[in-house]
Amino acid sequence: MTQQIVRSLLSDFVEIDLTVVDNGRQALEVALMQDFDLMIFDQNMPYINGDRVIRHLRAGNSANRDTKVIRFTAEAESLKQPAQGSSADVIMPKPIRGAEFISVISGIMGRSHQAAISTA
């Protein structure tokens, strides 16, 4: 469901290439092999959660170590103190609010040419 919403919202970005995966394990594998301008993760992806994927990428020598990251979560606790100890640049609440999501992306990057979406 989150994949469909994000994909629909990002379709307004004319020059965007999306890479969509089904779980955290695939997200990590793809992010270790490809370079992205922006990565978007769901916190509750199967196998490996969004925060663990991001922390792994940040700690390693991956090309995506410094890539901007948006993480979606339905967990209210994660939203209370997003800056402390978070590996994401932006943590956004679910359900996804289209205008807010597009505004955040525009603020982070403008119109990105390549984005990765990993949501389950």
PDB file of N, CA and C in Angstrom:
ATOM      1  N   MET A   1       0.821  -1.189   0.000  1.00  0.00           N
ATOM      2  CA  MET A   1       0.000   0.000   0.000  1.00  0.00           C
ATOM      3  C   MET A   1       0.872   1.262   0.000  1.00  0.00           C
ATOM      4  N   THR A   2       1.872   1.304   0.878  1.00  0.00           N
ATOM      5  CA  THR A   2       2.763   2.464   0.931  1.00  0.00           C
ATOM      6  C   THR A   2       3.488   2.628  -0.395  1.00  0.00           C
ATOM      7  N   GLN A   3       3.913   1.516  -1.008  1.00  0.00           N
ATOM      8  CA  GLN A   3       4.591   1.583  -2.304  1.00  0.00           C
ATOM      9  C   GLN A   3       3.725   2.282  -3.333  1.00  0.00           C
ATOM     10  N   GLN A   4       2.462   1.905  -3.397  1.00  0.00           N
ATOM     11  CA  GLN A   4       1.555   2.469  -4.396  1.00  0.00           C
ATOM     12  C   GLN A   4       1.352   3.958  -4.181  1.00  0.00           C
ATOM     13  N   ILE A   5       1.191   4.374  -2.949  1.00  0.00           N
ATOM     14  CA  ILE A   5       0.985   5.793  -2.643  1.00  0.00           C
ATOM     15  C   ILE A   5       2.223   6.596  -3.011  1.00  0.00           C
ATOM     16  N   VAL A   6       3.377   6.139  -2.586  1.00  0.00           N
ATOM     17  CA  VAL A   6       4.621   6.853  -2.872  1.00  0.00           C
ATOM     18  C   VAL A   6       4.870   6.902  -4.374  1.00  0.00           C
ATOM     19  N   ARG A   7       4.671   5.790  -5.034  1.00  0.00           N
ATOM     20  CA  ARG A   7       4.875   5.747  -6.488  1.00  0.00           C
ATOM     21  C   ARG A   7       3.948   6.732  -7.198  1.00  0.00           C
ATOM     22  N   SER A   8       2.704   6.780  -6.775  1.00  0.00           N
ATOM     23  CA  SER A   8       1.736   7.702  -7.371  1.00  0.00           C
ATOM     24  C   SER A   8       2.143   9.157  -7.146  1.00  0.00           C
ATOM     25  N   LEU A   9       2.560   9.482  -5.939  1.00  0.00           N
ATOM     26  CA  LEU A   9       2.969  10.855  -5.625  1.00  0.00           C
ATOM     27  C   LEU A   9       4.216  11.261  -6.398  1.00  0.00           C
ATOM     28  N   LEU A  10       5.140  10.335  -6.567  1.00  0.00           N
ATOM     29  CA  LEU A  10       6.383  10.654  -7.263  1.00  0.00           C
ATOM     30  C   LEU A  10       6.226  10.685  -8.778  1.00  0.00           C
ATOM     31  N   SER A  11       5.100  10.214  -9.278  1.00  0.00           N
ATOM     32  CA  SER A  11       4.892  10.231 -10.727  1.00  0.00           C
ATOM     33  C   SER A  11       4.837  11.657 -11.268  1.00  0.00           C
ATOM     34  N   ASP A  12       4.620  12.637 -10.388  1.00  0.00           N
ATOM     35  CA  ASP A  12       4.619  14.046 -10.799  1.00  0.00           C
ATOM     36  C   ASP A  12       6.024  14.554 -11.104  1.00  0.00           C
ATOM     37  N   PHE A  13       7.030  13.863 -10.609  1.00  0.00           N
ATOM     38  CA  PHE A  13       8.401  14.244 -10.904  1.00  0.00           C
ATOM     39  C   PHE A  13       8.736  13.659 -12.273  1.00  0.00           C
ATOM     40  N   VAL A  14       8.892  14.504 -13.252  1.00  0.00           N
ATOM     41  CA  VAL A  14       9.047  14.056 -14.633  1.00  0.00           C
ATOM     42  C   VAL A  14      10.296  13.218 -14.837  1.00  0.00           C
ATOM     43  N   GLU A  15      11.418  13.671 -14.352  1.00  0.00           N
ATOM     44  CA  GLU A  15      12.689  12.980 -14.588  1.00  0.00           C
ATOM     45  C   GLU A  15      13.104  12.178 -13.365  1.00  0.00           C
ATOM     46  N   ILE A  16      12.382  11.119 -13.098  1.00  0.00           N
ATOM     47  CA  ILE A  16      12.711  10.320 -11.925  1.00  0.00           C
ATOM     48  C   ILE A  16      12.717   8.841 -12.298  1.00  0.00           C
ATOM     49  N   ASP A  17      13.733   8.154 -11.851  1.00  0.00           N
ATOM     50  CA  ASP A  17      13.828   6.707 -12.023  1.00  0.00           C
ATOM     51  C   ASP A  17      13.623   6.089 -10.654  1.00  0.00           C
ATOM     52  N   LEU A  18      12.691   5.162 -10.550  1.00  0.00           N
ATOM     53  CA  LEU A  18      12.395   4.530  -9.270  1.00  0.00           C
ATOM     54  C   LEU A  18      12.912   3.102  -9.248  1.00  0.00           C
ATOM     55  N   THR A  19      13.438   2.720  -8.119  1.00  0.00           N
ATOM     56  CA  THR A  19      13.792   1.331  -7.864  1.00  0.00           C
ATOM     57  C   THR A  19      12.958   0.918  -6.664  1.00  0.00           C
ATOM     58  N   VAL A  20      12.088  -0.054  -6.849  1.00  0.00           N
ATOM     59  CA  VAL A  20      11.165  -0.469  -5.797  1.00  0.00           C
ATOM     60  C   VAL A  20      11.478  -1.908  -5.412  1.00  0.00           C
ATOM     61  N   VAL A  21      11.582  -2.151  -4.114  1.00  0.00           N
ATOM     62  CA  VAL A  21      11.828  -3.504  -3.611  1.00  0.00           C
ATOM     63  C   VAL A  21      10.745  -3.867  -2.608  1.00  0.00           C
ATOM     64  N   ASP A  22      10.712  -5.142  -2.222  1.00  0.00           N
ATOM     65  CA  ASP A  22       9.635  -5.630  -1.366  1.00  0.00           C
ATOM     66  C   ASP A  22       9.977  -5.773   0.107  1.00  0.00           C
ATOM     67  N   ASN A  23      11.262  -5.697   0.459  1.00  0.00           N
ATOM     68  CA  ASN A  23      11.608  -5.894   1.864  1.00  0.00           C
ATOM     69  C   ASN A  23      12.967  -5.271   2.165  1.00  0.00           C
ATOM     70  N   GLY A  24      13.308  -5.245   3.427  1.00  0.00           N
ATOM     71  CA  GLY A  24      14.548  -4.621   3.866  1.00  0.00           C
ATOM     72  C   GLY A  24      15.802  -5.314   3.374  1.00  0.00           C
ATOM     73  N   ARG A  25      15.750  -6.614   3.245  1.00  0.00           N
ATOM     74  CA  ARG A  25      16.909  -7.356   2.740  1.00  0.00           C
ATOM     75  C   ARG A  25      17.219  -6.932   1.302  1.00  0.00           C
ATOM     76  N   GLN A  26      16.183  -6.866   0.472  1.00  0.00           N
ATOM     77  CA  GLN A  26      16.368  -6.423  -0.913  1.00  0.00           C
ATOM     78  C   GLN A  26      16.812  -4.965  -0.959  1.00  0.00           C
ATOM     79  N   ALA A  27      16.250  -4.147  -0.083  1.00  0.00           N
ATOM     80  CA  ALA A  27      16.622  -2.724  -0.047  1.00  0.00           C
ATOM     81  C   ALA A  27      18.112  -2.567   0.219  1.00  0.00           C
ATOM     82  N   LEU A  28      18.618  -3.312   1.176  1.00  0.00           N
ATOM     83  CA  LEU A  28      20.037  -3.238   1.512  1.00  0.00           C
ATOM     84  C   LEU A  28      20.900  -3.730   0.348  1.00  0.00           C
ATOM     85  N   GLU A  29      20.521  -4.851  -0.240  1.00  0.00           N
ATOM     86  CA  GLU A  29      21.288  -5.394  -1.368  1.00  0.00           C
ATOM     87  C   GLU A  29      21.370  -4.393  -2.519  1.00  0.00           C
ATOM     88  N   VAL A  30      20.239  -3.815  -2.888  1.00  0.00           N
ATOM     89  CA  VAL A  30      20.206  -2.861  -4.004  1.00  0.00           C
ATOM     90  C   VAL A  30      20.992  -1.601  -3.657  1.00  0.00           C
ATOM     91  N   ALA A  31      20.827  -1.107  -2.438  1.00  0.00           N
ATOM     92  CA  ALA A  31      21.515   0.127  -2.033  1.00  0.00           C
ATOM     93  C   ALA A  31      23.028  -0.057  -1.942  1.00  0.00           C
ATOM     94  N   LEU A  32      23.480  -1.279  -1.760  1.00  0.00           N
ATOM     95  CA  LEU A  32      24.920  -1.541  -1.748  1.00  0.00           C
ATOM     96  C   LEU A  32      25.493  -1.633  -3.166  1.00  0.00           C
ATOM     97  N   MET A  33      24.624  -1.846  -4.156  1.00  0.00           N
ATOM     98  CA  MET A  33      25.091  -2.011  -5.536  1.00  0.00           C
ATOM     99  C   MET A  33      24.848  -0.795  -6.429  1.00  0.00           C
ATOM    100  N   GLN A  34      23.871   0.041  -6.083  1.00  0.00           N
ATOM    101  CA  GLN A  34      23.515   1.186  -6.916  1.00  0.00           C
ATOM    102  C   GLN A  34      23.670   2.479  -6.140  1.00  0.00           C
ATOM    103  N   ASP A  35      23.964   3.540  -6.852  1.00  0.00           N
ATOM    104  CA  ASP A  35      24.075   4.872  -6.259  1.00  0.00           C
ATOM    105  C   ASP A  35      22.751   5.600  -6.472  1.00  0.00           C
ATOM    106  N   PHE A  36      22.191   6.186  -5.407  1.00  0.00           N
ATOM    107  CA  PHE A  36      20.915   6.898  -5.481  1.00  0.00           C
ATOM    108  C   PHE A  36      21.071   8.335  -5.002  1.00  0.00           C
ATOM    109  N   ASP A  37      20.191   9.195  -5.484  1.00  0.00           N
ATOM    110  CA  ASP A  37      20.135  10.580  -5.027  1.00  0.00           C
ATOM    111  C   ASP A  37      19.276  10.719  -3.777  1.00  0.00           C
ATOM    112  N   LEU A  38      18.301   9.830  -3.631  1.00  0.00           N
ATOM    113  CA  LEU A  38      17.369   9.852  -2.508  1.00  0.00           C
ATOM    114  C   LEU A  38      16.898   8.432  -2.263  1.00  0.00           C
ATOM    115  N   MET A  39      16.787   8.061  -0.981  1.00  0.00           N
ATOM    116  CA  MET A  39      16.246   6.751  -0.625  1.00  0.00           C
ATOM    117  C   MET A  39      15.074   6.962   0.316  1.00  0.00           C
ATOM    118  N   ILE A  40      14.035   6.161   0.116  1.00  0.00           N
ATOM    119  CA  ILE A  40      12.824   6.254   0.926  1.00  0.00           C
ATOM    120  C   ILE A  40      12.534   4.856   1.465  1.00  0.00           C
ATOM    121  N   PHE A  41      12.440   4.757   2.787  1.00  0.00           N
ATOM    122  CA  PHE A  41      12.212   3.465   3.425  1.00  0.00           C
ATOM    123  C   PHE A  41      10.992   3.520   4.327  1.00  0.00           C
ATOM    124  N   ASP A  42      10.350   2.371   4.476  1.00  0.00           N
ATOM    125  CA  ASP A  42       9.300   2.198   5.468  1.00  0.00           C
ATOM    126  C   ASP A  42       9.976   1.574   6.688  1.00  0.00           C
ATOM    127  N   GLN A  43       9.662   2.052   7.856  1.00  0.00           N
ATOM    128  CA  GLN A  43      10.275   1.509   9.070  1.00  0.00           C
ATOM    129  C   GLN A  43       9.989   0.024   9.228  1.00  0.00           C
ATOM    130  N   ASN A  44       8.783  -0.398   8.892  1.00  0.00           N
ATOM    131  CA  ASN A  44       8.376  -1.774   9.168  1.00  0.00           C
ATOM    132  C   ASN A  44       8.463  -2.685   7.950  1.00  0.00           C
ATOM    133  N   MET A  45       9.564  -2.602   7.223  1.00  0.00           N
ATOM    134  CA  MET A  45       9.778  -3.521   6.103  1.00  0.00           C
ATOM    135  C   MET A  45      10.044  -4.918   6.657  1.00  0.00           C
ATOM    136  N   PRO A  46       9.626  -5.951   5.925  1.00  0.00           N
ATOM    137  CA  PRO A  46       9.928  -7.315   6.366  1.00  0.00           C
ATOM    138  C   PRO A  46      11.436  -7.593   6.359  1.00  0.00           C
ATOM    139  N   TYR A  47      11.857  -8.512   7.181  1.00  0.00           N
ATOM    140  CA  TYR A  47      13.232  -9.019   7.323  1.00  0.00           C
ATOM    141  C   TYR A  47      14.176  -8.038   8.016  1.00  0.00           C
ATOM    142  N   ILE A  48      14.368  -6.857   7.465  1.00  0.00           N
ATOM    143  CA  ILE A  48      15.231  -5.854   8.093  1.00  0.00           C
ATOM    144  C   ILE A  48      14.461  -4.541   8.082  1.00  0.00           C
ATOM    145  N   ASN A  49      14.293  -3.916   9.250  1.00  0.00           N
ATOM    146  CA  ASN A  49      13.508  -2.679   9.277  1.00  0.00           C
ATOM    147  C   ASN A  49      14.280  -1.512   8.653  1.00  0.00           C
ATOM    148  N   GLY A  50      13.534  -0.463   8.349  1.00  0.00           N
ATOM    149  CA  GLY A  50      14.117   0.689   7.665  1.00  0.00           C
ATOM    150  C   GLY A  50      15.296   1.305   8.392  1.00  0.00           C
ATOM    151  N   ASP A  51      15.188   1.466   9.695  1.00  0.00           N
ATOM    152  CA  ASP A  51      16.270   2.094  10.450  1.00  0.00           C
ATOM    153  C   ASP A  51      17.547   1.255  10.395  1.00  0.00           C
ATOM    154  N   ARG A  52      17.416  -0.058  10.494  1.00  0.00           N
ATOM    155  CA  ARG A  52      18.605  -0.928  10.428  1.00  0.00           C
ATOM    156  C   ARG A  52      19.266  -0.877   9.055  1.00  0.00           C
ATOM    157  N   VAL A  53      18.456  -0.826   7.995  1.00  0.00           N
ATOM    158  CA  VAL A  53      19.021  -0.711   6.643  1.00  0.00           C
ATOM    159  C   VAL A  53      19.813   0.586   6.533  1.00  0.00           C
ATOM    160  N   ILE A  54      19.218   1.668   6.992  1.00  0.00           N
ATOM    161  CA  ILE A  54      19.868   2.982   6.893  1.00  0.00           C
ATOM    162  C   ILE A  54      21.155   3.006   7.713  1.00  0.00           C
ATOM    163  N   ARG A  55      21.099   2.509   8.937  1.00  0.00           N
ATOM    164  CA  ARG A  55      22.297   2.492   9.793  1.00  0.00           C
ATOM    165  C   ARG A  55      23.425   1.677   9.155  1.00  0.00           C
ATOM    166  N   HIS A  56      23.071   0.558   8.545  1.00  0.00           N
ATOM    167  CA  HIS A  56      24.087  -0.263   7.879  1.00  0.00           C
ATOM    168  C   HIS A  56      24.737   0.518   6.734  1.00  0.00           C
ATOM    169  N   LEU A  57      23.933   1.204   5.950  1.00  0.00           N
ATOM    170  CA  LEU A  57      24.472   1.986   4.832  1.00  0.00           C
ATOM    171  C   LEU A  57      25.340   3.139   5.328  1.00  0.00           C
ATOM    172  N   ARG A  58      24.917   3.795   6.397  1.00  0.00           N
ATOM    173  CA  ARG A  58      25.664   4.933   6.939  1.00  0.00           C
ATOM    174  C   ARG A  58      27.007   4.499   7.530  1.00  0.00           C
ATOM    175  N   ALA A  59      27.040   3.297   8.091  1.00  0.00           N
ATOM    176  CA  ALA A  59      28.252   2.826   8.770  1.00  0.00           C
ATOM    177  C   ALA A  59      29.298   2.275   7.809  1.00  0.00           C
ATOM    178  N   GLY A  60      28.882   1.882   6.622  1.00  0.00           N
ATOM    179  CA  GLY A  60      29.803   1.251   5.680  1.00  0.00           C
ATOM    180  C   GLY A  60      30.425   2.227   4.706  1.00  0.00           C
ATOM    181  N   ASN A  61      31.003   1.669   3.670  1.00  0.00           N
ATOM    182  CA  ASN A  61      31.645   2.468   2.627  1.00  0.00           C
ATOM    183  C   ASN A  61      30.807   2.515   1.360  1.00  0.00           C
ATOM    184  N   SER A  62      29.523   2.301   1.497  1.00  0.00           N
ATOM    185  CA  SER A  62      28.630   2.285   0.343  1.00  0.00           C
ATOM    186  C   SER A  62      28.574   3.653  -0.323  1.00  0.00           C
ATOM    187  N   ALA A  63      28.282   3.658  -1.609  1.00  0.00           N
ATOM    188  CA  ALA A  63      28.115   4.916  -2.345  1.00  0.00           C
ATOM    189  C   ALA A  63      26.944   5.714  -1.787  1.00  0.00           C
ATOM    190  N   ASN A  64      26.057   5.051  -1.048  1.00  0.00           N
ATOM    191  CA  ASN A  64      24.885   5.718  -0.478  1.00  0.00           C
ATOM    192  C   ASN A  64      25.072   6.119   0.982  1.00  0.00           C
ATOM    193  N   ARG A  65      26.293   6.111   1.441  1.00  0.00           N
ATOM    194  CA  ARG A  65      26.562   6.452   2.842  1.00  0.00           C
ATOM    195  C   ARG A  65      26.003   7.825   3.223  1.00  0.00           C
ATOM    196  N   ASP A  66      26.120   8.790   2.322  1.00  0.00           N
ATOM    197  CA  ASP A  66      25.662  10.151   2.607  1.00  0.00           C
ATOM    198  C   ASP A  66      24.404  10.533   1.835  1.00  0.00           C
ATOM    199  N   THR A  67      23.760   9.559   1.227  1.00  0.00           N
ATOM    200  CA  THR A  67      22.541   9.820   0.463  1.00  0.00           C
ATOM    201  C   THR A  67      21.422  10.261   1.402  1.00  0.00           C
ATOM    202  N   LYS A  68      20.642  11.229   0.960  1.00  0.00           N
ATOM    203  CA  LYS A  68      19.498  11.701   1.746  1.00  0.00           C
ATOM    204  C   LYS A  68      18.477  10.575   1.879  1.00  0.00           C
ATOM    205  N   VAL A  69      17.885  10.461   3.086  1.00  0.00           N
ATOM    206  CA  VAL A  69      16.946   9.379   3.372  1.00  0.00           C
ATOM    207  C   VAL A  69      15.689   9.919   4.040  1.00  0.00           C
ATOM    208  N   ILE A  70      14.552   9.461   3.537  1.00  0.00           N
ATOM    209  CA  ILE A  70      13.257   9.695   4.177  1.00  0.00           C
ATOM    210  C   ILE A  70      12.782   8.340   4.678  1.00  0.00           C
ATOM    211  N   ARG A  71      12.332   8.313   5.927  1.00  0.00           N
ATOM    212  CA  ARG A  71      11.810   7.065   6.497  1.00  0.00           C
ATOM    213  C   ARG A  71      10.391   7.304   6.964  1.00  0.00           C
ATOM    214  N   PHE A  72       9.470   6.442   6.515  1.00  0.00           N
ATOM    215  CA  PHE A  72       8.081   6.502   6.962  1.00  0.00           C
ATOM    216  C   PHE A  72       7.892   5.593   8.157  1.00  0.00           C
ATOM    217  N   THR A  73       7.041   6.026   9.082  1.00  0.00           N
ATOM    218  CA  THR A  73       6.728   5.188  10.230  1.00  0.00           C
ATOM    219  C   THR A  73       5.317   5.480  10.723  1.00  0.00           C
ATOM    220  N   ALA A  74       4.683   4.442  11.234  1.00  0.00           N
ATOM    221  CA  ALA A  74       3.390   4.595  11.882  1.00  0.00           C
ATOM    222  C   ALA A  74       3.569   4.615  13.397  1.00  0.00           C
ATOM    223  N   GLU A  75       4.816   4.507  13.845  1.00  0.00           N
ATOM    224  CA  GLU A  75       5.130   4.458  15.274  1.00  0.00           C
ATOM    225  C   GLU A  75       5.266   5.872  15.827  1.00  0.00           C
ATOM    226  N   ALA A  76       4.343   6.266  16.657  1.00  0.00           N
ATOM    227  CA  ALA A  76       4.328   7.624  17.210  1.00  0.00           C
ATOM    228  C   ALA A  76       5.604   7.943  17.979  1.00  0.00           C
ATOM    229  N   GLU A  77       6.171   6.960  18.652  1.00  0.00           N
ATOM    230  CA  GLU A  77       7.385   7.173  19.447  1.00  0.00           C
ATOM    231  C   GLU A  77       8.542   7.636  18.563  1.00  0.00           C
ATOM    232  N   SER A  78       8.634   7.100  17.358  1.00  0.00           N
ATOM    233  CA  SER A  78       9.711   7.477  16.434  1.00  0.00           C
ATOM    234  C   SER A  78       9.601   8.923  15.981  1.00  0.00           C
ATOM    235  N   LEU A  79       8.409   9.471  16.036  1.00  0.00           N
ATOM    236  CA  LEU A  79       8.190  10.837  15.559  1.00  0.00           C
ATOM    237  C   LEU A  79       8.471  11.883  16.627  1.00  0.00           C
ATOM    238  N   LYS A  80       8.475  11.480  17.890  1.00  0.00           N
ATOM    239  CA  LYS A  80       8.643  12.450  18.976  1.00  0.00           C
ATOM    240  C   LYS A  80      10.026  13.078  18.996  1.00  0.00           C
ATOM    241  N   GLN A  81      11.062  12.292  18.769  1.00  0.00           N
ATOM    242  CA  GLN A  81      12.432  12.799  18.788  1.00  0.00           C
ATOM    243  C   GLN A  81      13.178  12.294  17.563  1.00  0.00           C
ATOM    244  N   PRO A  82      12.759  12.718  16.369  1.00  0.00           N
ATOM    245  CA  PRO A  82      13.360  12.169  15.161  1.00  0.00           C
ATOM    246  C   PRO A  82      14.834  12.483  14.982  1.00  0.00           C
ATOM    247  N   ALA A  83      15.331  13.560  15.535  1.00  0.00           N
ATOM    248  CA  ALA A  83      16.726  13.941  15.307  1.00  0.00           C
ATOM    249  C   ALA A  83      17.692  13.144  16.182  1.00  0.00           C
ATOM    250  N   GLN A  84      17.250  12.715  17.340  1.00  0.00           N
ATOM    251  CA  GLN A  84      18.147  12.034  18.268  1.00  0.00           C
ATOM    252  C   GLN A  84      18.352  10.578  17.873  1.00  0.00           C
ATOM    253  N   GLY A  85      19.539  10.246  17.447  1.00  0.00           N
ATOM    254  CA  GLY A  85      19.873   8.870  17.148  1.00  0.00           C
ATOM    255  C   GLY A  85      19.246   8.314  15.885  1.00  0.00           C
ATOM    256  N   SER A  86      18.569   9.136  15.140  1.00  0.00           N
ATOM    257  CA  SER A  86      17.951   8.647  13.921  1.00  0.00           C
ATOM    258  C   SER A  86      18.967   8.610  12.797  1.00  0.00           C
ATOM    259  N   SER A  87      18.859   7.621  11.968  1.00  0.00           N
ATOM    260  CA  SER A  87      19.754   7.521  10.829  1.00  0.00           C
ATOM    261  C   SER A  87      19.161   8.179   9.586  1.00  0.00           C
ATOM    262  N   ALA A  88      17.880   8.511   9.627  1.00  0.00           N
ATOM    263  CA  ALA A  88      17.214   9.147   8.486  1.00  0.00           C
ATOM    264  C   ALA A  88      17.365  10.660   8.563  1.00  0.00           C
ATOM    265  N   ASP A  89      17.348  11.304   7.413  1.00  0.00           N
ATOM    266  CA  ASP A  89      17.373  12.765   7.376  1.00  0.00           C
ATOM    267  C   ASP A  89      16.013  13.330   7.759  1.00  0.00           C
ATOM    268  N   VAL A  90      14.956  12.630   7.349  1.00  0.00           N
ATOM    269  CA  VAL A  90      13.586  13.048   7.658  1.00  0.00           C
ATOM    270  C   VAL A  90      12.787  11.809   8.022  1.00  0.00           C
ATOM    271  N   ILE A  91      12.006  11.907   9.099  1.00  0.00           N
ATOM    272  CA  ILE A  91      11.083  10.842   9.475  1.00  0.00           C
ATOM    273  C   ILE A  91       9.682  11.396   9.301  1.00  0.00           C
ATOM    274  N   MET A  92       8.868  10.698   8.514  1.00  0.00           N
ATOM    275  CA  MET A  92       7.522  11.169   8.221  1.00  0.00           C
ATOM    276  C   MET A  92       6.484  10.183   8.747  1.00  0.00           C
ATOM    277  N   PRO A  93       5.351  10.719   9.204  1.00  0.00           N
ATOM    278  CA  PRO A  93       4.299   9.849   9.733  1.00  0.00           C
ATOM    279  C   PRO A  93       3.493   9.180   8.624  1.00  0.00           C
ATOM    280  N   LYS A  94       2.946   8.042   8.967  1.00  0.00           N
ATOM    281  CA  LYS A  94       1.950   7.400   8.124  1.00  0.00           C
ATOM    282  C   LYS A  94       0.614   7.603   8.815  1.00  0.00           C
ATOM    283  N   PRO A  95      -0.464   7.820   8.121  1.00  0.00           N
ATOM    284  CA  PRO A  95      -0.583   7.761   6.672  1.00  0.00           C
ATOM    285  C   PRO A  95       0.143   8.926   5.993  1.00  0.00           C
ATOM    286  N   ILE A  96       0.542   8.661   4.767  1.00  0.00           N
ATOM    287  CA  ILE A  96       1.301   9.636   3.985  1.00  0.00           C
ATOM    288  C   ILE A  96       0.390  10.761   3.529  1.00  0.00           C
ATOM    289  N   ARG A  97       0.861  11.984   3.747  1.00  0.00           N
ATOM    290  CA  ARG A  97       0.143  13.173   3.276  1.00  0.00           C
ATOM    291  C   ARG A  97       0.881  13.686   2.044  1.00  0.00           C
ATOM    292  N   GLY A  98       0.207  13.624   0.910  1.00  0.00           N
ATOM    293  CA  GLY A  98       0.832  13.923  -0.370  1.00  0.00           C
ATOM    294  C   GLY A  98       1.559  15.243  -0.448  1.00  0.00           C
ATOM    295  N   ALA A  99       0.886  16.327  -0.096  1.00  0.00           N
ATOM    296  CA  ALA A  99       1.497  17.656  -0.218  1.00  0.00           C
ATOM    297  C   ALA A  99       2.718  17.782   0.688  1.00  0.00           C
ATOM    298  N   GLU A 100       2.623  17.250   1.888  1.00  0.00           N
ATOM    299  CA  GLU A 100       3.751  17.310   2.829  1.00  0.00           C
ATOM    300  C   GLU A 100       4.936  16.493   2.301  1.00  0.00           C
ATOM    301  N   PHE A 101       4.656  15.319   1.770  1.00  0.00           N
ATOM    302  CA  PHE A 101       5.695  14.447   1.228  1.00  0.00           C
ATOM    303  C   PHE A 101       6.436  15.130   0.077  1.00  0.00           C
ATOM    304  N   ILE A 102       5.703  15.688  -0.857  1.00  0.00           N
ATOM    305  CA  ILE A 102       6.312  16.375  -2.000  1.00  0.00           C
ATOM    306  C   ILE A 102       7.106  17.589  -1.527  1.00  0.00           C
ATOM    307  N   SER A 103       6.592  18.297  -0.545  1.00  0.00           N
ATOM    308  CA  SER A 103       7.295  19.456   0.004  1.00  0.00           C
ATOM    309  C   SER A 103       8.622  19.038   0.640  1.00  0.00           C
ATOM    310  N   VAL A 104       8.611  17.935   1.370  1.00  0.00           N
ATOM    311  CA  VAL A 104       9.836  17.435   2.008  1.00  0.00           C
ATOM    312  C   VAL A 104      10.862  17.049   0.945  1.00  0.00           C
ATOM    313  N   ILE A 105      10.422  16.336  -0.070  1.00  0.00           N
ATOM    314  CA  ILE A 105      11.348  15.946  -1.140  1.00  0.00           C
ATOM    315  C   ILE A 105      11.921  17.180  -1.822  1.00  0.00           C
ATOM    316  N   SER A 106      11.072  18.134  -2.128  1.00  0.00           N
ATOM    317  CA  SER A 106      11.544  19.364  -2.778  1.00  0.00           C
ATOM    318  C   SER A 106      12.536  20.100  -1.897  1.00  0.00           C
ATOM    319  N   GLY A 107      12.274  20.119  -0.601  1.00  0.00           N
ATOM    320  CA  GLY A 107      13.181  20.782   0.329  1.00  0.00           C
ATOM    321  C   GLY A 107      14.526  20.092   0.440  1.00  0.00           C
ATOM    322  N   ILE A 108      14.523  18.776   0.387  1.00  0.00           N
ATOM    323  CA  ILE A 108      15.764  18.010   0.503  1.00  0.00           C
ATOM    324  C   ILE A 108      16.580  18.081  -0.780  1.00  0.00           C
ATOM    325  N   MET A 109      15.928  17.913  -1.915  1.00  0.00           N
ATOM    326  CA  MET A 109      16.654  17.733  -3.152  1.00  0.00           C
ATOM    327  C   MET A 109      16.209  18.514  -4.361  1.00  0.00           C
ATOM    328  N   GLY A 110      15.070  19.098  -4.344  1.00  0.00           N
ATOM    329  CA  GLY A 110      14.526  19.606  -5.598  1.00  0.00           C
ATOM    330  C   GLY A 110      14.010  18.410  -6.372  1.00  0.00           C
ATOM    331  N   ARG A 111      14.059  18.467  -7.650  1.00  0.00           N
ATOM    332  CA  ARG A 111      13.583  17.341  -8.470  1.00  0.00           C
ATOM    333  C   ARG A 111      14.714  16.354  -8.697  1.00  0.00           C
ATOM    334  N   SER A 112      14.668  15.259  -7.999  1.00  0.00           N
ATOM    335  CA  SER A 112      15.702  14.221  -8.078  1.00  0.00           C
ATOM    336  C   SER A 112      15.581  13.430  -9.378  1.00  0.00           C
ATOM    337  N   HIS A 113      16.719  12.998  -9.899  1.00  0.00           N
ATOM    338  CA  HIS A 113      16.709  12.191 -11.117  1.00  0.00           C
ATOM    339  C   HIS A 113      16.601  10.708 -10.810  1.00  0.00           C
ATOM    340  N   GLN A 114      16.972  10.317  -9.617  1.00  0.00           N
ATOM    341  CA  GLN A 114      16.890   8.899  -9.286  1.00  0.00           C
ATOM    342  C   GLN A 114      16.535   8.773  -7.817  1.00  0.00           C
ATOM    343  N   ALA A 115      15.538   7.984  -7.517  1.00  0.00           N
ATOM    344  CA  ALA A 115      15.130   7.768  -6.136  1.00  0.00           C
ATOM    345  C   ALA A 115      14.899   6.283  -5.925  1.00  0.00           C
ATOM    346  N   ALA A 116      15.181   5.837  -4.740  1.00  0.00           N
ATOM    347  CA  ALA A 116      14.901   4.444  -4.398  1.00  0.00           C
ATOM    348  C   ALA A 116      13.757   4.424  -3.421  1.00  0.00           C
ATOM    349  N   ILE A 117      12.817   3.566  -3.660  1.00  0.00           N
ATOM    350  CA  ILE A 117      11.711   3.398  -2.731  1.00  0.00           C
ATOM    351  C   ILE A 117      11.754   1.964  -2.251  1.00  0.00           C
ATOM    352  N   SER A 118      11.822   1.777  -0.965  1.00  0.00           N
ATOM    353  CA  SER A 118      11.772   0.451  -0.383  1.00  0.00           C
ATOM    354  C   SER A 118      10.679   0.443   0.646  1.00  0.00           C
ATOM    355  N   THR A 119       9.544  -0.011   0.270  1.00  0.00           N
ATOM    356  CA  THR A 119       8.441  -0.061   1.207  1.00  0.00           C
ATOM    357  C   THR A 119       7.757  -1.402   1.085  1.00  0.00           C
ATOM    358  N   ALA A 120       7.151  -1.816   2.164  1.00  0.00           N
ATOM    359  CA  ALA A 120       6.457  -3.096   2.125  1.00  0.00           C
ATOM    360  C   ALA A 120       5.032  -2.915   2.556  1.00  0.00           C
TER     361      ALA A 120
END
